[in-house]
Amino acid sequence: MRTGDSGYNPWLATVLLLLGNFMNLIDVSIVNVALPSIQENLDATAAQIEWVSAAYVLAFAAGLLPFGRFGDKFGRKRLFLWGVGLFTLASALCGFAQTMPMLIWSRALQGIGGAMMVPQVMAIMHVMFPPEQKARAFALAGVVASLGAVSGPLLGGALITGNISGMGWRPIFLVNLPVGLFVIRAGLRWIPALSSDRRMRIDWIGIGLFSVAVVLVVLPVIEGALLGWPWWCIAMILASLPLGALFIWRQVRLSRQERAQLLPVTLMRNGGFLSGVAMVMLHFSAIPGMFLVLAIYLQTGFGLDPMQSGIATAPFPLGIMLGSYVTGRFGTKWLSGRMAAGVTVMLAGMILLRHVTGHPPQTFTPATLIAPLAICGFGMGLTISPLFQSVLQSVPGKDAGAGSGAMQAFQQVGAAIGIAIVSSLFFVRLHGQGGDDYAGAMAHALTYQLCAFSAILVVLALRTSLRGKAVDPPRREEVSGR
């Protein structure tokens, strides 16, 4: 470990940052396991149950870019700790909710807290580590991100099955309280304070345009597949296009006036940043949808309980840890080559997974999924660190919050779109075959993953062939111990 000049330890600070981020990541997936229990306990309608997840996703996606910019102005450490505090408070409100409206509004508050803290994580890591250590830090972030995405069902199943003190589903939220309080207490001491630009003016009009545009995209994507794509879903998506264009026009205008932009125009004109964001969006559109339908495939199709289903997916995070260890040893070398290798491995793993799930053995056991999920996880572990590095390496330190927020905002939009597409493919095939062809439905759904990872290889090839002069890495910012 290397301790900085101001007495802070960047690796200890990273552990605290990623621990806060892990709460957010795991909360997204852990709730899905508890929805049937919540519906029974609070006598909820199907629409209310859907909004338990939708309220969080909407608030989170709409807030990522604005709060990333707020971190650049008001201080990333401060925004991170405020976000953890709000997320922890909202978790308590969720855990003690007595009505569905209270639970839904508390979930929206959780989403706002997540949006406050998440952009600061990558932004702080981006400027805290020197180039030779940044690869390992981002590899660790990739491990945590992937573990959070796939361990939620396992932890949720264990907590609900344990029925701690007769509380049923409530511990899935209350478990965040000790973690959040620990992160706040330790973070005050060990997360360094970064220099911020207090003179920066906040583009409130841009925030409104961006947030509304994101809601107009994400809300119909969440609702449309379940409702059969009514006219208003299509109208909302179409309405997002002029709003998005107006947002970009305003950012260009502010740039010409030499005023701060919510999404810096320099980033929108940076081919490396845009292509990197496109790859992030494609990549993270594939994984959540895959695990959503895989959980249904295992639990409904083959009768596994939530705990057994979580254990069956364990080879994936184990593969990620191995791949992250391997790629972290290369530092900043061969980013494009490592991404290409990782995505190719994931594509091969997805082909094998599609074959295995589409032609399951007569006696199905979780061992059937060990090889394909381990290969997919290993490929993802190889990919995440160089992918994050390639996106953020062209972002100046003063705009790290905006760059990190933009990357993760589009990551969330991609996840929502991917879940909608994959679940639609799955259920259309399942219902079209009488409701019992889970193997055919799973193979049909995984077609999207094959297309997404193939598209990433195409984008990567175009990016490599069209890349101009290399971008100098941004200078590190001054940090202090408090």
Protein backbone atom coordinates (compact mmCIF):
# COMPACT_ATOMS: atom_id res chain seq x y z
CA MET A 1 0.00 0.00 0.00
CA ARG A 2 1.06 3.53 -0.73
CA THR A 3 0.12 6.32 1.63
CA GLY A 4 -0.25 9.77 0.13
CA ASP A 5 1.67 12.89 1.15
CA SER A 6 -1.21 14.19 3.26
CA GLY A 7 -1.42 11.11 5.47
CA TYR A 8 -4.37 9.36 3.87
CA ASN A 9 -4.30 5.86 2.46
CA PRO A 10 -5.87 5.74 -1.01
CA TRP A 11 -6.63 2.01 -0.75
CA LEU A 12 -8.42 2.39 2.59
CA ALA A 13 -10.37 5.31 1.13
CA THR A 14 -11.25 3.15 -1.89
CA VAL A 15 -12.60 0.37 0.33
CA LEU A 16 -14.93 2.86 2.02
CA LEU A 17 -16.03 4.35 -1.31
CA LEU A 18 -16.76 0.93 -2.77
CA LEU A 19 -18.53 -0.20 0.40
CA GLY A 20 -20.94 2.71 0.03
CA ASN A 21 -21.37 1.92 -3.65
CA PHE A 22 -21.94 -1.75 -2.83
CA MET A 23 -25.01 -0.82 -0.77
CA ASN A 24 -26.52 0.83 -3.82
CA LEU A 25 -25.56 -1.97 -6.21
CA ILE A 26 -26.89 -4.78 -4.07
CA ASP A 27 -30.08 -2.88 -3.23
CA VAL A 28 -31.10 -2.85 -6.90
CA SER A 29 -31.21 -6.64 -7.11
CA ILE A 30 -32.02 -7.62 -3.54
CA VAL A 31 -35.47 -6.04 -3.71
CA ASN A 32 -36.61 -8.30 -6.57
CA VAL A 33 -36.42 -11.36 -4.32
CA ALA A 34 -38.61 -9.67 -1.69
CA LEU A 35 -41.40 -8.39 -3.95
CA PRO A 36 -43.77 -11.35 -3.41
CA SER A 37 -43.37 -11.04 0.38
CA ILE A 38 -43.90 -7.26 0.24
CA GLN A 39 -47.02 -7.69 -1.89
CA GLU A 40 -48.53 -10.15 0.57
CA ASN A 41 -47.55 -8.24 3.71
CA LEU A 42 -48.71 -4.78 2.58
CA ASP A 43 -51.60 -5.98 0.40
CA ALA A 44 -50.12 -4.26 -2.65
CA THR A 45 -51.44 -4.14 -6.17
CA ALA A 46 -49.33 -5.32 -9.11
CA ALA A 47 -48.79 -1.68 -10.18
CA GLN A 48 -47.58 -0.70 -6.69
CA ILE A 49 -45.15 -3.61 -6.59
CA GLU A 50 -43.75 -2.55 -9.95
CA TRP A 51 -43.19 0.97 -8.63
CA VAL A 52 -41.09 -0.31 -5.73
CA SER A 53 -38.35 -0.87 -8.33
CA ALA A 54 -39.34 1.82 -10.84
CA ALA A 55 -39.28 4.67 -8.30
CA TYR A 56 -35.70 3.85 -7.38
CA VAL A 57 -34.44 3.45 -10.94
CA LEU A 58 -36.06 6.70 -12.12
CA ALA A 59 -34.70 8.83 -9.27
CA PHE A 60 -31.27 7.25 -9.54
CA ALA A 61 -30.89 7.59 -13.31
CA ALA A 62 -32.19 11.18 -13.41
CA GLY A 63 -29.91 12.32 -10.59
CA LEU A 64 -26.56 10.83 -11.61
CA LEU A 65 -25.33 13.57 -13.95
CA PRO A 66 -26.55 16.55 -11.88
CA PHE A 67 -25.08 15.22 -8.64
CA GLY A 68 -21.85 14.38 -10.43
CA ARG A 69 -21.60 18.08 -11.33
CA PHE A 70 -22.57 19.12 -7.81
CA GLY A 71 -19.62 17.07 -6.57
CA ASP A 72 -17.28 19.05 -8.82
CA LYS A 73 -18.58 22.29 -7.29
CA PHE A 74 -19.32 21.51 -3.65
CA GLY A 75 -16.77 18.77 -3.01
CA ARG A 76 -16.92 15.08 -3.89
CA LYS A 77 -16.21 13.82 -0.39
CA ARG A 78 -19.03 15.96 0.97
CA LEU A 79 -21.53 14.80 -1.68
CA PHE A 80 -20.52 11.17 -1.19
CA LEU A 81 -21.06 11.28 2.58
CA TRP A 82 -24.33 13.20 2.21
CA GLY A 83 -25.48 10.59 -0.29
CA VAL A 84 -24.58 7.72 2.04
CA GLY A 85 -26.44 9.48 4.86
CA LEU A 86 -29.58 10.02 2.76
CA PHE A 87 -29.44 6.46 1.42
CA THR A 88 -29.13 5.09 4.96
CA LEU A 89 -32.04 7.23 6.23
CA ALA A 90 -34.19 6.16 3.28
CA SER A 91 -33.30 2.50 3.95
CA ALA A 92 -34.63 2.88 7.48
CA LEU A 93 -37.84 4.43 6.14
CA CYS A 94 -38.20 1.54 3.68
CA GLY A 95 -37.61 -1.04 6.41
CA PHE A 96 -40.25 0.43 8.70
CA ALA A 97 -42.78 1.36 5.99
CA GLN A 98 -46.33 0.43 6.91
CA THR A 99 -48.01 1.33 3.61
CA MET A 100 -47.13 0.96 -0.05
CA PRO A 101 -47.09 4.75 -0.75
CA MET A 102 -44.58 5.20 2.08
CA LEU A 103 -42.41 2.40 0.72
CA ILE A 104 -42.52 3.75 -2.84
CA TRP A 105 -41.62 7.32 -1.82
CA SER A 106 -38.86 5.99 0.45
CA ARG A 107 -37.47 4.03 -2.49
CA ALA A 108 -37.41 7.23 -4.56
CA LEU A 109 -35.50 8.90 -1.71
CA GLN A 110 -33.09 5.96 -1.74
CA GLY A 111 -32.56 6.55 -5.46
CA ILE A 112 -31.70 10.20 -4.83
CA GLY A 113 -29.21 9.19 -2.14
CA GLY A 114 -27.64 6.65 -4.51
CA ALA A 115 -27.38 9.28 -7.25
CA MET A 116 -25.60 11.61 -4.81
CA MET A 117 -22.92 9.14 -3.79
CA VAL A 118 -22.29 6.94 -6.83
CA PRO A 119 -20.75 9.53 -9.26
CA GLN A 120 -18.31 10.61 -6.56
CA VAL A 121 -16.85 7.10 -6.23
CA MET A 122 -15.22 6.90 -9.67
CA ALA A 123 -14.47 10.64 -9.67
CA ILE A 124 -12.51 10.43 -6.40
CA MET A 125 -10.69 7.28 -7.46
CA HIS A 126 -9.89 8.85 -10.85
CA VAL A 127 -7.93 11.71 -9.28
CA MET A 128 -6.69 9.95 -6.13
CA PHE A 129 -4.52 7.29 -7.77
CA PRO A 130 -1.45 7.74 -9.96
CA PRO A 131 -1.65 6.05 -13.39
CA GLU A 132 0.39 3.03 -12.32
CA GLN A 133 -2.10 2.18 -9.53
CA LYS A 134 -5.33 3.23 -11.23
CA ALA A 135 -5.77 -0.05 -13.11
CA ARG A 136 -5.82 -2.13 -9.93
CA ALA A 137 -8.19 0.33 -8.27
CA PHE A 138 -10.63 0.15 -11.18
CA ALA A 139 -10.29 -3.64 -11.26
CA LEU A 140 -11.35 -3.70 -7.61
CA ALA A 141 -14.27 -1.42 -8.50
CA GLY A 142 -15.26 -3.85 -11.24
CA VAL A 143 -15.25 -6.75 -8.80
CA VAL A 144 -17.45 -4.86 -6.34
CA ALA A 145 -19.84 -3.72 -9.10
CA SER A 146 -20.27 -7.24 -10.39
CA LEU A 147 -20.58 -8.81 -6.94
CA GLY A 148 -23.24 -6.27 -6.04
CA ALA A 149 -25.20 -7.06 -9.18
CA VAL A 150 -25.28 -10.83 -8.66
CA SER A 151 -25.14 -11.31 -4.87
CA GLY A 152 -28.37 -9.44 -4.13
CA PRO A 153 -30.66 -12.42 -4.78
CA LEU A 154 -28.50 -14.68 -2.61
CA LEU A 155 -28.38 -12.25 0.33
CA GLY A 156 -32.05 -11.36 -0.07
CA GLY A 157 -33.05 -15.00 -0.11
CA ALA A 158 -31.02 -15.69 3.04
CA LEU A 159 -32.47 -12.72 4.95
CA ILE A 160 -36.06 -13.47 3.97
CA THR A 161 -35.72 -17.19 4.62
CA GLY A 162 -34.14 -16.46 8.03
CA ASN A 163 -37.15 -14.26 8.97
CA ILE A 164 -35.04 -12.40 11.54
CA SER A 165 -37.13 -11.53 14.61
CA GLY A 166 -40.23 -12.21 12.54
CA MET A 167 -39.60 -9.15 10.36
CA GLY A 168 -39.93 -10.97 7.04
CA TRP A 169 -38.71 -8.80 4.15
CA ARG A 170 -37.76 -5.73 6.21
CA PRO A 171 -34.13 -6.75 7.00
CA ILE A 172 -33.21 -6.41 3.30
CA PHE A 173 -33.42 -2.63 3.87
CA LEU A 174 -32.42 -2.43 7.53
CA VAL A 175 -29.14 -4.24 6.86
CA ASN A 176 -27.95 -0.99 5.24
CA LEU A 177 -28.09 0.93 8.52
CA PRO A 178 -24.91 -0.35 10.23
CA VAL A 179 -23.02 -0.33 6.93
CA GLY A 180 -24.02 3.23 6.11
CA LEU A 181 -23.21 4.56 9.59
CA PHE A 182 -19.80 2.87 9.47
CA VAL A 183 -18.99 4.35 6.04
CA ILE A 184 -19.94 7.86 7.23
CA ARG A 185 -17.92 7.61 10.44
CA ALA A 186 -14.83 6.13 8.80
CA GLY A 187 -15.19 8.26 5.65
CA LEU A 188 -14.99 11.51 7.62
CA ARG A 189 -11.51 10.46 8.66
CA TRP A 190 -10.12 8.41 5.79
CA ILE A 191 -11.61 9.71 2.54
CA PRO A 192 -9.50 12.64 1.30
CA ALA A 193 -11.01 16.03 0.55
CA LEU A 194 -10.51 16.98 -3.11
CA SER A 195 -10.20 20.46 -4.49
CA SER A 196 -13.48 21.81 -5.84
CA ASP A 197 -14.51 24.74 -8.00
CA ARG A 198 -16.78 26.86 -5.80
CA ARG A 199 -16.99 29.53 -8.52
CA MET A 200 -18.66 27.08 -10.92
CA ARG A 201 -22.22 28.11 -11.82
CA ILE A 202 -24.81 25.34 -11.83
CA ASP A 203 -26.85 24.98 -15.02
CA TRP A 204 -30.29 24.52 -13.47
CA ILE A 205 -32.08 24.65 -16.81
CA GLY A 206 -29.77 21.93 -18.13
CA ILE A 207 -30.47 19.83 -15.04
CA GLY A 208 -34.20 20.09 -15.70
CA LEU A 209 -33.85 19.21 -19.38
CA PHE A 210 -31.57 16.25 -18.68
CA SER A 211 -33.67 14.85 -15.83
CA VAL A 212 -36.94 15.09 -17.76
CA ALA A 213 -35.34 13.54 -20.86
CA VAL A 214 -34.03 10.60 -18.82
CA VAL A 215 -37.45 10.02 -17.23
CA LEU A 216 -39.08 10.15 -20.68
CA VAL A 217 -36.79 7.33 -21.79
CA VAL A 218 -36.51 5.15 -18.68
CA LEU A 219 -40.15 5.23 -17.52
CA PRO A 220 -41.69 3.84 -20.75
CA VAL A 221 -38.87 1.31 -21.02
CA ILE A 222 -39.77 0.04 -17.53
CA GLU A 223 -43.54 0.10 -18.06
CA GLY A 224 -43.88 -0.56 -21.79
CA ALA A 225 -43.03 -4.25 -21.93
CA LEU A 226 -45.50 -5.11 -19.17
CA LEU A 227 -48.32 -2.94 -20.54
CA GLY A 228 -48.00 -3.99 -24.17
CA TRP A 229 -46.42 -0.70 -25.30
CA PRO A 230 -49.44 1.66 -25.15
CA TRP A 231 -49.35 4.87 -27.21
CA TRP A 232 -48.18 7.05 -24.33
CA CYS A 233 -45.00 4.98 -23.92
CA ILE A 234 -44.08 5.57 -27.55
CA ALA A 235 -45.03 9.26 -27.23
CA MET A 236 -42.75 9.70 -24.20
CA ILE A 237 -39.77 8.16 -25.99
CA LEU A 238 -40.37 10.37 -29.03
CA ALA A 239 -40.71 13.44 -26.78
CA SER A 240 -37.30 12.70 -25.25
CA LEU A 241 -35.58 13.31 -28.61
CA PRO A 242 -36.25 17.08 -28.92
CA LEU A 243 -35.56 17.53 -25.20
CA GLY A 244 -32.23 15.77 -25.60
CA ALA A 245 -31.40 17.94 -28.60
CA LEU A 246 -32.36 21.06 -26.62
CA PHE A 247 -30.12 19.93 -23.76
CA ILE A 248 -27.15 19.53 -26.12
CA TRP A 249 -27.87 22.90 -27.77
CA ARG A 250 -27.84 24.58 -24.36
CA GLN A 251 -24.55 22.98 -23.40
CA VAL A 252 -22.97 24.19 -26.66
CA ARG A 253 -24.33 27.70 -26.03
CA LEU A 254 -22.90 27.76 -22.50
CA SER A 255 -19.56 26.58 -23.87
CA ARG A 256 -19.46 29.45 -26.36
CA GLN A 257 -20.18 31.85 -23.49
CA GLU A 258 -17.33 30.21 -21.56
CA ARG A 259 -19.69 29.17 -18.78
CA ALA A 260 -19.68 25.83 -16.94
CA GLN A 261 -21.80 23.12 -18.53
CA LEU A 262 -23.64 20.25 -16.86
CA LEU A 263 -22.09 17.90 -19.43
CA PRO A 264 -18.93 19.60 -20.73
CA VAL A 265 -18.97 20.07 -24.49
CA THR A 266 -15.34 18.97 -24.58
CA LEU A 267 -16.55 15.52 -23.52
CA MET A 268 -19.37 15.48 -26.09
CA ARG A 269 -16.82 16.26 -28.78
CA ASN A 270 -14.37 13.64 -27.50
CA GLY A 271 -14.69 10.53 -29.65
CA GLY A 272 -12.85 8.40 -27.12
CA PHE A 273 -15.23 9.39 -24.32
CA LEU A 274 -18.37 8.93 -26.44
CA SER A 275 -17.34 5.56 -27.82
CA GLY A 276 -16.37 4.46 -24.33
CA VAL A 277 -19.76 5.51 -22.95
CA ALA A 278 -21.45 3.61 -25.81
CA MET A 279 -19.52 0.46 -24.85
CA VAL A 280 -20.41 0.92 -21.18
CA MET A 281 -24.07 1.30 -22.13
CA LEU A 282 -24.02 -1.84 -24.29
CA HIS A 283 -22.07 -3.86 -21.75
CA PHE A 284 -24.29 -3.06 -18.78
CA SER A 285 -27.45 -3.50 -20.83
CA ALA A 286 -26.56 -7.17 -21.20
CA ILE A 287 -25.73 -8.31 -17.66
CA PRO A 288 -28.75 -7.26 -15.49
CA GLY A 289 -31.24 -8.59 -18.03
CA MET A 290 -29.39 -11.89 -18.21
CA PHE A 291 -29.54 -12.41 -14.46
CA LEU A 292 -33.20 -11.38 -14.30
CA VAL A 293 -34.33 -14.08 -16.75
CA LEU A 294 -31.80 -16.56 -15.39
CA ALA A 295 -33.41 -16.25 -11.93
CA ILE A 296 -36.84 -16.98 -13.46
CA TYR A 297 -35.37 -19.84 -15.49
CA LEU A 298 -33.88 -21.46 -12.39
CA GLN A 299 -36.62 -20.76 -9.84
CA THR A 300 -39.80 -21.09 -11.89
CA GLY A 301 -38.51 -23.39 -14.59
CA PHE A 302 -36.58 -25.84 -12.42
CA GLY A 303 -37.97 -25.22 -8.92
CA LEU A 304 -34.84 -23.87 -7.22
CA ASP A 305 -35.40 -21.61 -4.22
CA PRO A 306 -33.79 -18.11 -4.08
CA MET A 307 -30.83 -19.43 -2.07
CA GLN A 308 -30.14 -22.29 -4.51
CA SER A 309 -30.53 -19.90 -7.44
CA GLY A 310 -27.97 -17.56 -5.94
CA ILE A 311 -25.52 -20.40 -5.36
CA ALA A 312 -25.97 -21.55 -8.97
CA THR A 313 -24.75 -18.14 -10.20
CA ALA A 314 -21.69 -18.10 -7.88
CA PRO A 315 -19.21 -19.07 -10.67
CA PHE A 316 -19.87 -15.70 -12.32
CA PRO A 317 -18.51 -13.46 -9.51
CA LEU A 318 -15.68 -15.92 -8.90
CA GLY A 319 -14.72 -15.61 -12.57
CA ILE A 320 -14.89 -11.82 -12.25
CA MET A 321 -12.47 -11.83 -9.33
CA LEU A 322 -9.99 -13.95 -11.27
CA GLY A 323 -10.28 -11.83 -14.42
CA SER A 324 -9.93 -8.60 -12.42
CA TYR A 325 -6.78 -9.92 -10.76
CA VAL A 326 -5.28 -10.80 -14.14
CA THR A 327 -6.13 -7.51 -15.85
CA GLY A 328 -5.10 -5.41 -12.86
CA ARG A 329 -1.49 -6.55 -13.27
CA PHE A 330 -1.22 -4.85 -16.66
CA GLY A 331 -1.73 -1.32 -15.30
CA THR A 332 -2.49 1.13 -18.09
CA LYS A 333 -1.02 -1.01 -20.88
CA TRP A 334 -2.97 -2.28 -23.90
CA LEU A 335 -6.39 -1.01 -22.80
CA SER A 336 -8.05 -1.65 -26.17
CA GLY A 337 -6.46 -5.08 -26.53
CA ARG A 338 -7.54 -6.12 -23.05
CA MET A 339 -11.08 -4.92 -23.68
CA ALA A 340 -11.21 -6.84 -26.94
CA ALA A 341 -9.91 -9.98 -25.24
CA GLY A 342 -12.39 -9.65 -22.37
CA VAL A 343 -15.40 -9.05 -24.59
CA THR A 344 -14.41 -11.96 -26.85
CA VAL A 345 -14.21 -14.26 -23.82
CA MET A 346 -17.63 -13.02 -22.66
CA LEU A 347 -19.08 -13.60 -26.11
CA ALA A 348 -17.74 -17.18 -26.09
CA GLY A 349 -19.17 -17.71 -22.61
CA MET A 350 -22.57 -16.38 -23.70
CA ILE A 351 -22.63 -18.73 -26.70
CA LEU A 352 -21.93 -21.64 -24.36
CA LEU A 353 -24.52 -20.42 -21.82
CA ARG A 354 -27.12 -20.08 -24.56
CA HIS A 355 -26.42 -23.64 -25.69
CA VAL A 356 -26.46 -25.12 -22.18
CA THR A 357 -29.65 -23.36 -21.03
CA GLY A 358 -31.36 -24.03 -24.34
CA HIS A 359 -30.53 -27.75 -24.15
CA PRO A 360 -30.52 -28.57 -20.43
CA PRO A 361 -29.77 -32.14 -19.32
CA GLN A 362 -32.61 -34.41 -18.28
CA THR A 363 -31.62 -34.04 -14.64
CA PHE A 364 -30.80 -30.35 -14.26
CA THR A 365 -28.31 -29.35 -11.57
CA PRO A 366 -26.61 -26.00 -10.86
CA ALA A 367 -23.32 -27.63 -11.91
CA THR A 368 -24.57 -27.35 -15.51
CA LEU A 369 -23.93 -23.59 -15.37
CA ILE A 370 -20.45 -23.65 -13.82
CA ALA A 371 -18.40 -23.51 -17.04
CA PRO A 372 -20.39 -20.91 -19.03
CA LEU A 373 -20.92 -18.57 -16.07
CA ALA A 374 -17.27 -18.83 -14.99
CA ILE A 375 -16.14 -17.99 -18.54
CA CYS A 376 -18.56 -15.05 -18.73
CA GLY A 377 -17.39 -13.78 -15.34
CA PHE A 378 -13.73 -14.11 -16.28
CA GLY A 379 -14.36 -12.11 -19.46
CA MET A 380 -16.20 -9.42 -17.53
CA GLY A 381 -13.35 -9.22 -15.03
CA LEU A 382 -10.90 -8.69 -17.90
CA THR A 383 -13.12 -5.98 -19.42
CA ILE A 384 -14.31 -3.69 -16.61
CA SER A 385 -11.05 -2.10 -15.49
CA PRO A 386 -9.71 -1.12 -18.96
CA LEU A 387 -13.23 -0.04 -19.99
CA PHE A 388 -13.58 2.38 -17.07
CA GLN A 389 -10.01 3.58 -17.56
CA SER A 390 -10.53 4.22 -21.26
CA VAL A 391 -13.66 6.28 -20.59
CA LEU A 392 -12.21 8.41 -17.79
CA GLN A 393 -8.63 8.85 -18.97
CA SER A 394 -9.66 11.71 -21.29
CA VAL A 395 -11.67 13.49 -18.58
CA PRO A 396 -9.85 16.44 -16.92
CA GLY A 397 -9.75 16.25 -13.14
CA LYS A 398 -12.00 19.30 -12.72
CA ASP A 399 -14.74 17.54 -14.75
CA ALA A 400 -14.29 14.09 -13.21
CA GLY A 401 -17.64 14.26 -11.43
CA ALA A 402 -19.50 15.21 -14.61
CA GLY A 403 -17.69 12.55 -16.64
CA SER A 404 -18.29 9.86 -14.03
CA GLY A 405 -21.92 10.90 -13.63
CA ALA A 406 -22.52 10.87 -17.40
CA MET A 407 -20.92 7.45 -17.78
CA GLN A 408 -23.00 5.95 -14.99
CA ALA A 409 -26.20 7.71 -16.07
CA PHE A 410 -25.96 6.09 -19.50
CA GLN A 411 -24.99 2.84 -17.78
CA GLN A 412 -28.34 2.93 -15.92
CA VAL A 413 -30.27 3.83 -19.05
CA GLY A 414 -28.57 0.91 -20.81
CA ALA A 415 -29.46 -1.43 -17.94
CA ALA A 416 -33.13 -0.39 -18.08
CA ILE A 417 -33.28 -0.82 -21.85
CA GLY A 418 -31.49 -4.17 -21.69
CA ILE A 419 -33.81 -5.51 -18.99
CA ALA A 420 -36.85 -4.46 -21.06
CA ILE A 421 -35.51 -6.08 -24.25
CA VAL A 422 -34.30 -9.31 -22.63
CA SER A 423 -37.43 -9.81 -20.51
CA SER A 424 -39.62 -9.13 -23.56
CA LEU A 425 -37.73 -11.70 -25.62
CA PHE A 426 -38.01 -14.20 -22.78
CA PHE A 427 -41.71 -13.80 -22.02
CA VAL A 428 -42.83 -13.51 -25.64
CA ARG A 429 -41.21 -16.86 -26.41
CA LEU A 430 -42.38 -18.41 -23.13
CA HIS A 431 -46.03 -17.41 -23.53
CA GLY A 432 -45.98 -18.23 -27.21
CA GLN A 433 -45.03 -21.83 -26.39
CA GLY A 434 -47.72 -22.41 -23.79
CA GLY A 435 -45.81 -21.06 -20.81
CA ASP A 436 -43.52 -24.01 -20.09
CA ASP A 437 -40.69 -23.84 -22.65
CA TYR A 438 -38.17 -22.19 -20.32
CA ALA A 439 -35.21 -23.58 -22.25
CA GLY A 440 -36.39 -22.09 -25.53
CA ALA A 441 -37.28 -18.79 -23.84
CA MET A 442 -33.85 -18.54 -22.22
CA ALA A 443 -32.03 -19.24 -25.48
CA HIS A 444 -34.24 -16.69 -27.25
CA ALA A 445 -33.54 -14.03 -24.60
CA LEU A 446 -29.76 -14.55 -24.69
CA THR A 447 -29.74 -13.57 -28.36
CA TYR A 448 -29.59 -9.97 -27.11
CA GLN A 449 -26.37 -10.63 -25.19
CA LEU A 450 -24.73 -12.04 -28.30
CA CYS A 451 -25.77 -8.94 -30.27
CA ALA A 452 -24.65 -6.53 -27.51
CA PHE A 453 -21.16 -7.99 -27.12
CA SER A 454 -20.71 -8.25 -30.88
CA ALA A 455 -21.66 -4.56 -31.14
CA ILE A 456 -19.04 -3.69 -28.51
CA LEU A 457 -16.36 -5.39 -30.62
CA VAL A 458 -17.52 -3.37 -33.65
CA VAL A 459 -17.39 -0.08 -31.69
CA LEU A 460 -13.98 -0.99 -30.31
CA ALA A 461 -12.65 -1.79 -33.79
CA LEU A 462 -13.98 1.50 -35.19
CA ARG A 463 -12.58 3.41 -32.23
CA THR A 464 -9.15 1.87 -32.67
CA SER A 465 -9.06 2.52 -36.41
CA LEU A 466 -10.30 6.12 -36.16
CA ARG A 467 -8.38 7.15 -33.06
CA GLY A 468 -6.28 10.24 -33.52
CA LYS A 469 -3.54 11.50 -31.28
CA ALA A 470 -3.43 10.11 -27.75
CA VAL A 471 -4.96 12.13 -24.99
CA ASP A 472 -2.59 13.16 -22.26
CA PRO A 473 -3.67 11.79 -18.89
CA PRO A 474 -5.16 14.46 -16.65
CA ARG A 475 -3.13 15.77 -13.79
CA ARG A 476 -3.96 14.56 -10.34
CA GLU A 477 -5.74 16.99 -8.06
CA GLU A 478 -4.50 18.13 -4.70
CA VAL A 479 -5.95 16.13 -1.85
CA SER A 480 -5.95 16.55 1.86
CA GLY A 481 -6.49 14.10 4.63
CA ARG A 482 -9.83 15.45 5.79
